[in-house]
Protein backbone atom coordinates (compact mmCIF):
# COMPACT_ATOMS: atom_id res chain seq x y z
CA UNK A 1 33.34 -4.85 57.24
CA UNK A 2 35.28 -3.95 54.11
CA UNK A 3 38.24 -1.59 54.35
CA UNK A 4 38.06 0.88 51.48
CA UNK A 5 41.26 2.29 50.03
CA UNK A 6 41.56 5.55 48.10
CA UNK A 7 40.83 3.92 44.76
CA UNK A 8 37.65 2.27 46.08
CA UNK A 9 36.51 5.59 47.51
CA UNK A 10 37.18 7.47 44.26
CA UNK A 11 35.18 4.90 42.30
CA UNK A 12 32.28 5.03 44.77
CA UNK A 13 32.19 8.84 44.77
CA UNK A 14 32.14 8.84 40.95
CA UNK A 15 29.29 6.30 40.97
CA UNK A 16 27.37 8.32 43.53
CA UNK A 17 27.57 11.33 41.21
CA UNK A 18 26.63 9.28 38.12
CA UNK A 19 25.15 5.87 38.97
CA UNK A 20 24.84 5.03 35.26
CA UNK A 21 28.52 5.56 34.48
CA UNK A 22 30.07 2.68 32.56
CA UNK A 23 33.29 0.97 33.57
CA UNK A 24 34.99 2.61 30.58
CA UNK A 25 33.72 6.06 31.57
CA UNK A 26 34.80 5.59 35.20
CA UNK A 27 38.24 4.42 34.09
CA UNK A 28 38.69 7.40 31.81
CA UNK A 29 37.37 9.96 34.35
CA UNK A 30 39.48 8.54 37.18
CA UNK A 31 42.63 7.77 35.17
CA UNK A 32 42.46 4.07 36.02
CA UNK A 33 42.71 0.92 33.93
CA UNK A 34 39.37 -0.57 32.92
CA UNK A 35 40.39 -3.88 34.46
CA UNK A 36 41.10 -2.15 37.78
CA UNK A 37 37.70 -0.45 37.82
CA UNK A 38 35.94 -3.66 36.80
CA UNK A 39 37.66 -5.80 39.45
CA UNK A 40 37.07 -3.20 42.18
CA UNK A 41 33.36 -2.98 41.30
CA UNK A 42 33.09 -6.78 41.35
CA UNK A 43 34.76 -6.90 44.77
CA UNK A 44 32.57 -4.10 46.17
CA UNK A 45 29.40 -5.72 44.84
CA UNK A 46 30.47 -9.18 45.99
CA UNK A 47 31.06 -8.17 49.60
CA UNK A 48 27.86 -6.10 49.81
CA UNK A 49 29.55 -2.69 49.98
CA UNK A 50 27.97 -1.63 46.71
CA UNK A 51 24.25 -2.30 46.61
CA UNK A 52 22.47 -3.61 43.55
CA UNK A 53 21.69 -1.00 40.92
CA UNK A 54 18.33 0.60 41.39
CA UNK A 55 16.48 3.20 39.40
CA UNK A 56 16.37 6.48 41.28
CA UNK A 57 12.70 6.95 40.64
CA UNK A 58 10.86 10.03 41.87
CA UNK A 59 7.51 8.54 42.97
CA UNK A 60 5.80 11.87 42.18
CA UNK A 61 6.64 11.29 38.48
CA UNK A 62 4.50 8.13 38.50
CA UNK A 63 1.53 9.68 40.27
CA UNK A 64 2.58 9.17 43.90
CA UNK A 65 3.59 12.66 45.13
CA UNK A 66 2.83 12.14 48.83
CA UNK A 67 5.28 10.38 51.13
CA UNK A 68 4.61 9.18 54.64
CA UNK A 69 6.55 7.45 57.38
CA UNK A 70 4.69 4.73 59.23
CA UNK A 71 6.06 3.39 62.50
CA UNK A 72 4.72 0.04 63.61
CA UNK A 73 4.87 -2.24 66.60
CA UNK A 74 5.13 -5.92 65.74
CA UNK A 75 4.34 -9.17 67.51
CA UNK A 76 7.83 -10.67 67.41
CA UNK A 77 6.65 -14.23 66.81
CA UNK A 78 5.05 -13.03 63.54
CA UNK A 79 8.04 -11.01 62.35
CA UNK A 80 9.00 -13.12 59.30
CA UNK A 81 5.42 -13.34 58.07
CA UNK A 82 4.98 -9.62 58.62
CA UNK A 83 8.03 -8.81 56.45
CA UNK A 84 6.64 -11.06 53.72
CA UNK A 85 3.23 -9.34 53.89
CA UNK A 86 4.64 -5.80 53.94
CA UNK A 87 6.88 -6.58 50.95
CA UNK A 88 3.75 -7.30 48.91
CA UNK A 89 2.40 -3.75 49.32
CA UNK A 90 3.65 -1.95 46.19
CA UNK A 91 3.55 1.53 47.75
CA UNK A 92 6.04 0.50 50.46
CA UNK A 93 9.40 1.82 49.28
CA UNK A 94 11.44 1.02 52.40
CA UNK A 95 11.04 -0.91 55.63
CA UNK A 96 13.59 -0.64 58.44
CA UNK A 97 13.79 -2.45 61.76
CA UNK A 98 14.35 0.21 64.43
CA UNK A 99 14.88 0.49 68.17
CA UNK A 100 12.73 2.54 70.50
CA UNK A 101 8.98 2.63 71.00
CA UNK A 102 8.30 1.03 67.61
CA UNK A 103 9.80 -1.93 65.78
CA UNK A 104 9.57 -0.69 62.19
CA UNK A 105 9.87 2.47 60.12
CA UNK A 106 8.05 2.03 56.82
CA UNK A 107 8.28 4.66 54.10
CA UNK A 108 5.37 4.76 51.67
CA UNK A 109 4.54 6.66 48.48
CA UNK A 110 0.91 7.68 47.86
CA UNK A 111 -1.38 9.73 45.63
CA UNK A 112 -3.01 11.69 48.45
CA UNK A 113 -4.12 11.49 52.09
CA UNK A 114 -6.91 9.02 51.31
CA UNK A 115 -4.39 6.75 49.62
CA UNK A 116 -2.09 7.03 52.68
CA UNK A 117 -5.04 5.89 54.79
CA UNK A 118 -5.67 2.94 52.45
CA UNK A 119 -2.02 1.90 52.54
CA UNK A 120 -1.83 2.12 56.34
CA UNK A 121 -4.94 -0.06 56.57
CA UNK A 122 -3.21 -2.66 54.40
CA UNK A 123 -0.13 -2.41 56.64
CA UNK A 124 -2.35 -2.92 59.70
CA UNK A 125 -3.72 -6.12 58.14
CA UNK A 126 -0.24 -7.63 57.84
CA UNK A 127 0.56 -10.52 60.15
CA UNK A 128 1.90 -9.39 63.51
CA UNK A 129 1.28 -5.65 63.18
CA UNK A 130 -0.16 -4.45 66.49
CA UNK A 131 -0.16 -0.68 66.17
CA UNK A 132 0.92 2.00 63.71
CA UNK A 133 1.53 5.73 63.71
CA UNK A 134 1.78 7.77 60.53
CA UNK A 135 3.61 11.01 59.76
CA UNK A 136 3.22 12.81 56.44
CA UNK A 137 6.46 14.04 54.84
CA UNK A 138 6.01 17.76 54.19
CA UNK A 139 9.35 18.44 52.49
CA UNK A 140 12.56 16.58 51.75
CA UNK A 141 15.26 18.73 53.29
CA UNK A 142 18.22 16.44 52.56
CA UNK A 143 17.97 13.66 50.01
CA UNK A 144 19.48 10.25 50.79
CA UNK A 145 23.21 10.75 50.40
CA UNK A 146 26.41 8.81 50.93
CA UNK A 147 29.20 10.66 49.12
CA UNK A 148 30.24 12.58 52.25
CA UNK A 149 30.83 9.25 54.05
CA UNK A 150 33.66 8.51 51.62
CA UNK A 151 35.68 11.65 52.33
């Protein structure tokens, strides 16, 4: 686990607020040398603290306004093949291994309820999936956030 100092935290908070900020912009906003910002970002990316850049896409803007959470139980001997199969379903936006009654939490984006059904059928056909349960997301109450973890 990486120990973050104050400078690392300031850089990460600034990036959380504006993920597209350039090194030059971060340096100017934070009163740091460009080389300092650049080397810190390289270190944070290299040790896995800072994830790869990703477009913060709203699935609704590309015709997929419905979200659902699918929990699944998996035959453990098929786990690797299952992950490979699930990764090929384009509407799957996240797949987490969880503890409890189920083994996976899979977040999907869909056009409508019929599309959710279609996607869950494709999930059920993945190697090792034994059982699923689906919950429709009615409203996002708190978006994914990390800035408060840095304070």
